[in-house]
């Protein structure tokens, strides 16, 4: 999911979401797919939000 978000691969992200990929998976630095998509791919960021995507900071604030 992170690579799809970083590269802006909208259709790949849709397929991963349909396959129940974790939209809130964190990288070692705490970034989620939403953090990556927000940098360059707003439409993909909106898709992730629609499916429960959160930023690393939001997850941290929730204790996750």
PDB file of N, CA and C in Angstrom:
ATOM      1  N   UNK A   1       0.824  -1.180   0.000  1.00  0.00           N
ATOM      2  CA  UNK A   1       0.000   0.000   0.000  1.00  0.00           C
ATOM      3  C   UNK A   1       0.879   1.259   0.000  1.00  0.00           C
ATOM      4  N   UNK A   2       1.978   1.208   0.745  1.00  0.00           N
ATOM      5  CA  UNK A   2       2.849   2.383   0.800  1.00  0.00           C
ATOM      6  C   UNK A   2       3.394   2.752  -0.580  1.00  0.00           C
ATOM      7  N   UNK A   3       3.829   1.769  -1.337  1.00  0.00           N
ATOM      8  CA  UNK A   3       4.378   2.050  -2.665  1.00  0.00           C
ATOM      9  C   UNK A   3       3.302   2.614  -3.589  1.00  0.00           C
ATOM     10  N   UNK A   4       2.117   2.065  -3.541  1.00  0.00           N
ATOM     11  CA  UNK A   4       1.016   2.585  -4.359  1.00  0.00           C
ATOM     12  C   UNK A   4       0.714   4.031  -3.978  1.00  0.00           C
ATOM     13  N   UNK A   5       0.715   4.325  -2.692  1.00  0.00           N
ATOM     14  CA  UNK A   5       0.442   5.687  -2.228  1.00  0.00           C
ATOM     15  C   UNK A   5       1.547   6.648  -2.659  1.00  0.00           C
ATOM     16  N   UNK A   6       2.795   6.228  -2.501  1.00  0.00           N
ATOM     17  CA  UNK A   6       3.939   7.081  -2.841  1.00  0.00           C
ATOM     18  C   UNK A   6       3.987   7.390  -4.336  1.00  0.00           C
ATOM     19  N   UNK A   7       3.708   6.372  -5.141  1.00  0.00           N
ATOM     20  CA  UNK A   7       3.792   6.526  -6.594  1.00  0.00           C
ATOM     21  C   UNK A   7       2.497   7.018  -7.232  1.00  0.00           C
ATOM     22  N   UNK A   8       1.415   7.098  -6.454  1.00  0.00           N
ATOM     23  CA  UNK A   8       0.149   7.584  -6.986  1.00  0.00           C
ATOM     24  C   UNK A   8      -0.608   6.569  -7.820  1.00  0.00           C
ATOM     25  N   UNK A   9      -0.423   5.311  -7.536  1.00  0.00           N
ATOM     26  CA  UNK A   9      -1.096   4.244  -8.287  1.00  0.00           C
ATOM     27  C   UNK A   9      -2.500   4.015  -7.708  1.00  0.00           C
ATOM     28  N   UNK A  10      -3.435   4.831  -8.173  1.00  0.00           N
ATOM     29  CA  UNK A  10      -4.798   4.841  -7.651  1.00  0.00           C
ATOM     30  C   UNK A  10      -5.472   3.479  -7.802  1.00  0.00           C
ATOM     31  N   UNK A  11      -5.420   2.909  -9.002  1.00  0.00           N
ATOM     32  CA  UNK A  11      -6.097   1.626  -9.241  1.00  0.00           C
ATOM     33  C   UNK A  11      -5.488   0.505  -8.405  1.00  0.00           C
ATOM     34  N   UNK A  12      -4.184   0.528  -8.230  1.00  0.00           N
ATOM     35  CA  UNK A  12      -3.534  -0.477  -7.388  1.00  0.00           C
ATOM     36  C   UNK A  12      -4.005  -0.331  -5.950  1.00  0.00           C
ATOM     37  N   UNK A  13      -4.099   0.901  -5.485  1.00  0.00           N
ATOM     38  CA  UNK A  13      -4.585   1.140  -4.122  1.00  0.00           C
ATOM     39  C   UNK A  13      -6.018   0.633  -3.971  1.00  0.00           C
ATOM     40  N   UNK A  14      -6.853   0.862  -4.977  1.00  0.00           N
ATOM     41  CA  UNK A  14      -8.227   0.350  -4.924  1.00  0.00           C
ATOM     42  C   UNK A  14      -8.242  -1.171  -4.802  1.00  0.00           C
ATOM     43  N   UNK A  15      -7.399  -1.835  -5.570  1.00  0.00           N
ATOM     44  CA  UNK A  15      -7.327  -3.302  -5.511  1.00  0.00           C
ATOM     45  C   UNK A  15      -6.841  -3.774  -4.145  1.00  0.00           C
ATOM     46  N   UNK A  16      -5.849  -3.099  -3.606  1.00  0.00           N
ATOM     47  CA  UNK A  16      -5.339  -3.472  -2.286  1.00  0.00           C
ATOM     48  C   UNK A  16      -6.400  -3.271  -1.209  1.00  0.00           C
ATOM     49  N   UNK A  17      -7.140  -2.182  -1.308  1.00  0.00           N
ATOM     50  CA  UNK A  17      -8.220  -1.929  -0.347  1.00  0.00           C
ATOM     51  C   UNK A  17      -9.280  -3.023  -0.465  1.00  0.00           C
ATOM     52  N   UNK A  18      -9.635  -3.382  -1.691  1.00  0.00           N
ATOM     53  CA  UNK A  18     -10.628  -4.440  -1.912  1.00  0.00           C
ATOM     54  C   UNK A  18     -10.154  -5.777  -1.350  1.00  0.00           C
ATOM     55  N   UNK A  19      -8.836  -5.955  -1.293  1.00  0.00           N
ATOM     56  CA  UNK A  19      -8.260  -7.194  -0.754  1.00  0.00           C
ATOM     57  C   UNK A  19      -7.975  -7.076   0.744  1.00  0.00           C
ATOM     58  N   UNK A  20      -8.538  -6.042   1.375  1.00  0.00           N
ATOM     59  CA  UNK A  20      -8.405  -5.812   2.818  1.00  0.00           C
ATOM     60  C   UNK A  20      -6.991  -5.484   3.281  1.00  0.00           C
ATOM     61  N   UNK A  21      -6.216  -4.815   2.434  1.00  0.00           N
ATOM     62  CA  UNK A  21      -4.898  -4.348   2.864  1.00  0.00           C
ATOM     63  C   UNK A  21      -5.079  -3.315   3.977  1.00  0.00           C
ATOM     64  N   UNK A  22      -4.123  -3.242   4.862  1.00  0.00           N
ATOM     65  CA  UNK A  22      -4.170  -2.315   5.992  1.00  0.00           C
ATOM     66  C   UNK A  22      -3.841  -0.904   5.512  1.00  0.00           C
ATOM     67  N   UNK A  23      -4.847  -0.036   5.480  1.00  0.00           N
ATOM     68  CA  UNK A  23      -4.629   1.340   5.022  1.00  0.00           C
ATOM     69  C   UNK A  23      -3.884   2.170   6.059  1.00  0.00           C
ATOM     70  N   UNK A  24      -3.719   1.630   7.259  1.00  0.00           N
ATOM     71  CA  UNK A  24      -3.021   2.353   8.320  1.00  0.00           C
ATOM     72  C   UNK A  24      -1.718   1.684   8.745  1.00  0.00           C
ATOM     73  N   UNK A  25      -1.173   0.842   7.881  1.00  0.00           N
ATOM     74  CA  UNK A  25       0.121   0.233   8.192  1.00  0.00           C
ATOM     75  C   UNK A  25       1.168   1.339   8.316  1.00  0.00           C
ATOM     76  N   UNK A  26       2.054   1.199   9.288  1.00  0.00           N
ATOM     77  CA  UNK A  26       3.082   2.217   9.505  1.00  0.00           C
ATOM     78  C   UNK A  26       4.451   1.704   9.071  1.00  0.00           C
ATOM     79  N   UNK A  27       5.216   2.610   8.480  1.00  0.00           N
ATOM     80  CA  UNK A  27       6.606   2.315   8.155  1.00  0.00           C
ATOM     81  C   UNK A  27       7.435   2.530   9.421  1.00  0.00           C
ATOM     82  N   UNK A  28       8.726   2.233   9.362  1.00  0.00           N
ATOM     83  CA  UNK A  28       9.592   2.401  10.528  1.00  0.00           C
ATOM     84  C   UNK A  28       9.564   3.821  11.073  1.00  0.00           C
ATOM     85  N   UNK A  29       9.424   4.803  10.181  1.00  0.00           N
ATOM     86  CA  UNK A  29       9.405   6.200  10.620  1.00  0.00           C
ATOM     87  C   UNK A  29       8.017   6.663  11.058  1.00  0.00           C
ATOM     88  N   UNK A  30       7.031   5.766  11.014  1.00  0.00           N
ATOM     89  CA  UNK A  30       5.683   6.093  11.452  1.00  0.00           C
ATOM     90  C   UNK A  30       4.751   6.560  10.354  1.00  0.00           C
ATOM     91  N   UNK A  31       5.280   6.753   9.146  1.00  0.00           N
ATOM     92  CA  UNK A  31       4.430   7.194   8.041  1.00  0.00           C
ATOM     93  C   UNK A  31       3.461   6.092   7.621  1.00  0.00           C
ATOM     94  N   UNK A  32       2.242   6.510   7.335  1.00  0.00           N
ATOM     95  CA  UNK A  32       1.213   5.616   6.812  1.00  0.00           C
ATOM     96  C   UNK A  32       1.060   5.898   5.314  1.00  0.00           C
ATOM     97  N   UNK A  33       0.309   5.073   4.610  1.00  0.00           N
ATOM     98  CA  UNK A  33       0.057   5.371   3.202  1.00  0.00           C
ATOM     99  C   UNK A  33      -0.550   6.769   3.003  1.00  0.00           C
ATOM    100  N   UNK A  34      -1.399   7.193   3.926  1.00  0.00           N
ATOM    101  CA  UNK A  34      -1.995   8.524   3.800  1.00  0.00           C
ATOM    102  C   UNK A  34      -0.933   9.616   3.877  1.00  0.00           C
ATOM    103  N   UNK A  35       0.028   9.476   4.778  1.00  0.00           N
ATOM    104  CA  UNK A  35       1.110  10.464   4.861  1.00  0.00           C
ATOM    105  C   UNK A  35       1.816  10.597   3.513  1.00  0.00           C
ATOM    106  N   UNK A  36       2.083   9.476   2.876  1.00  0.00           N
ATOM    107  CA  UNK A  36       2.787   9.487   1.592  1.00  0.00           C
ATOM    108  C   UNK A  36       1.921  10.066   0.483  1.00  0.00           C
ATOM    109  N   UNK A  37       0.667   9.673   0.423  1.00  0.00           N
ATOM    110  CA  UNK A  37      -0.227  10.155  -0.634  1.00  0.00           C
ATOM    111  C   UNK A  37      -0.470  11.654  -0.522  1.00  0.00           C
ATOM    112  N   UNK A  38      -0.560  12.171   0.691  1.00  0.00           N
ATOM    113  CA  UNK A  38      -0.838  13.599   0.882  1.00  0.00           C
ATOM    114  C   UNK A  38       0.242  14.483   0.277  1.00  0.00           C
ATOM    115  N   UNK A  39       1.437  13.977   0.141  1.00  0.00           N
ATOM    116  CA  UNK A  39       2.555  14.778  -0.369  1.00  0.00           C
ATOM    117  C   UNK A  39       2.410  15.110  -1.850  1.00  0.00           C
ATOM    118  N   UNK A  40       1.822  14.190  -2.634  1.00  0.00           N
ATOM    119  CA  UNK A  40       1.781  14.406  -4.083  1.00  0.00           C
ATOM    120  C   UNK A  40       0.484  13.989  -4.759  1.00  0.00           C
ATOM    121  N   UNK A  41      -0.331  13.197  -4.094  1.00  0.00           N
ATOM    122  CA  UNK A  41      -1.462  12.565  -4.778  1.00  0.00           C
ATOM    123  C   UNK A  41      -2.752  12.732  -3.973  1.00  0.00           C
ATOM    124  N   UNK A  42      -3.338  13.921  -4.073  1.00  0.00           N
ATOM    125  CA  UNK A  42      -4.500  14.264  -3.258  1.00  0.00           C
ATOM    126  C   UNK A  42      -5.685  13.329  -3.499  1.00  0.00           C
ATOM    127  N   UNK A  43      -5.927  12.942  -4.734  1.00  0.00           N
ATOM    128  CA  UNK A  43      -7.060  12.053  -5.032  1.00  0.00           C
ATOM    129  C   UNK A  43      -6.884  10.703  -4.324  1.00  0.00           C
ATOM    130  N   UNK A  44      -5.677  10.213  -4.301  1.00  0.00           N
ATOM    131  CA  UNK A  44      -5.390   8.958  -3.612  1.00  0.00           C
ATOM    132  C   UNK A  44      -5.508   9.140  -2.100  1.00  0.00           C
ATOM    133  N   UNK A  45      -5.081  10.292  -1.609  1.00  0.00           N
ATOM    134  CA  UNK A  45      -5.235  10.580  -0.178  1.00  0.00           C
ATOM    135  C   UNK A  45      -6.713  10.563   0.209  1.00  0.00           C
ATOM    136  N   UNK A  46      -7.557  11.115  -0.637  1.00  0.00           N
ATOM    137  CA  UNK A  46      -8.999  11.119  -0.366  1.00  0.00           C
ATOM    138  C   UNK A  46      -9.562   9.702  -0.361  1.00  0.00           C
ATOM    139  N   UNK A  47      -9.083   8.852  -1.264  1.00  0.00           N
ATOM    140  CA  UNK A  47      -9.513   7.451  -1.290  1.00  0.00           C
ATOM    141  C   UNK A  47      -9.142   6.762   0.026  1.00  0.00           C
ATOM    142  N   UNK A  48      -7.927   6.974   0.475  1.00  0.00           N
ATOM    143  CA  UNK A  48      -7.487   6.358   1.727  1.00  0.00           C
ATOM    144  C   UNK A  48      -8.324   6.854   2.901  1.00  0.00           C
ATOM    145  N   UNK A  49      -8.589   8.155   2.949  1.00  0.00           N
ATOM    146  CA  UNK A  49      -9.438   8.716   4.015  1.00  0.00           C
ATOM    147  C   UNK A  49     -10.818   8.064   4.001  1.00  0.00           C
ATOM    148  N   UNK A  50     -11.369   7.915   2.805  1.00  0.00           N
ATOM    149  CA  UNK A  50     -12.700   7.318   2.643  1.00  0.00           C
ATOM    150  C   UNK A  50     -12.745   5.909   3.226  1.00  0.00           C
ATOM    151  N   UNK A  51     -11.604   5.243   3.215  1.00  0.00           N
ATOM    152  CA  UNK A  51     -11.532   3.864   3.702  1.00  0.00           C
ATOM    153  C   UNK A  51     -10.845   3.772   5.063  1.00  0.00           C
ATOM    154  N   UNK A  52     -10.890   4.865   5.811  1.00  0.00           N
ATOM    155  CA  UNK A  52     -10.390   4.846   7.185  1.00  0.00           C
ATOM    156  C   UNK A  52      -8.932   5.184   7.359  1.00  0.00           C
ATOM    157  N   UNK A  53      -8.288   5.644   6.304  1.00  0.00           N
ATOM    158  CA  UNK A  53      -6.873   5.986   6.396  1.00  0.00           C
ATOM    159  C   UNK A  53      -6.629   7.159   7.328  1.00  0.00           C
ATOM    160  N   UNK A  54      -5.568   7.047   8.104  1.00  0.00           N
ATOM    161  CA  UNK A  54      -5.163   8.098   9.037  1.00  0.00           C
ATOM    162  C   UNK A  54      -3.678   8.361   8.867  1.00  0.00           C
ATOM    163  N   UNK A  55      -3.249   9.525   9.318  1.00  0.00           N
ATOM    164  CA  UNK A  55      -1.824   9.837   9.296  1.00  0.00           C
ATOM    165  C   UNK A  55      -1.148   9.171  10.487  1.00  0.00           C
ATOM    166  N   UNK A  56       0.155   9.084  10.410  1.00  0.00           N
ATOM    167  CA  UNK A  56       0.909   8.535  11.523  1.00  0.00           C
ATOM    168  C   UNK A  56       0.688   9.329  12.796  1.00  0.00           C
ATOM    169  N   UNK A  57       0.596  10.641  12.679  1.00  0.00           N
ATOM    170  CA  UNK A  57       0.360  11.497  13.849  1.00  0.00           C
ATOM    171  C   UNK A  57      -1.013  11.237  14.454  1.00  0.00           C
ATOM    172  N   UNK A  58      -2.012  11.036  13.611  1.00  0.00           N
ATOM    173  CA  UNK A  58      -3.354  10.729  14.118  1.00  0.00           C
ATOM    174  C   UNK A  58      -3.358   9.405  14.867  1.00  0.00           C
ATOM    175  N   UNK A  59      -2.683   8.410  14.313  1.00  0.00           N
ATOM    176  CA  UNK A  59      -2.612   7.111  14.989  1.00  0.00           C
ATOM    177  C   UNK A  59      -1.855   7.223  16.310  1.00  0.00           C
ATOM    178  N   UNK A  60      -0.791   8.007  16.305  1.00  0.00           N
ATOM    179  CA  UNK A  60       0.000   8.202  17.526  1.00  0.00           C
ATOM    180  C   UNK A  60      -0.853   8.861  18.605  1.00  0.00           C
ATOM    181  N   UNK A  61      -1.652   9.852  18.218  1.00  0.00           N
ATOM    182  CA  UNK A  61      -2.524  10.541  19.176  1.00  0.00           C
ATOM    183  C   UNK A  61      -3.575   9.600  19.757  1.00  0.00           C
ATOM    184  N   UNK A  62      -3.948   8.587  18.980  1.00  0.00           N
ATOM    185  CA  UNK A  62      -4.923   7.589  19.443  1.00  0.00           C
ATOM    186  C   UNK A  62      -4.263   6.480  20.261  1.00  0.00           C
ATOM    187  N   UNK A  63      -2.941   6.524  20.341  1.00  0.00           N
ATOM    188  CA  UNK A  63      -2.222   5.499  21.089  1.00  0.00           C
ATOM    189  C   UNK A  63      -1.863   4.278  20.271  1.00  0.00           C
ATOM    190  N   UNK A  64      -1.920   4.406  18.960  1.00  0.00           N
ATOM    191  CA  UNK A  64      -1.584   3.275  18.071  1.00  0.00           C
ATOM    192  C   UNK A  64      -0.238   3.468  17.423  1.00  0.00           C
TER     193      UNK A  64
END
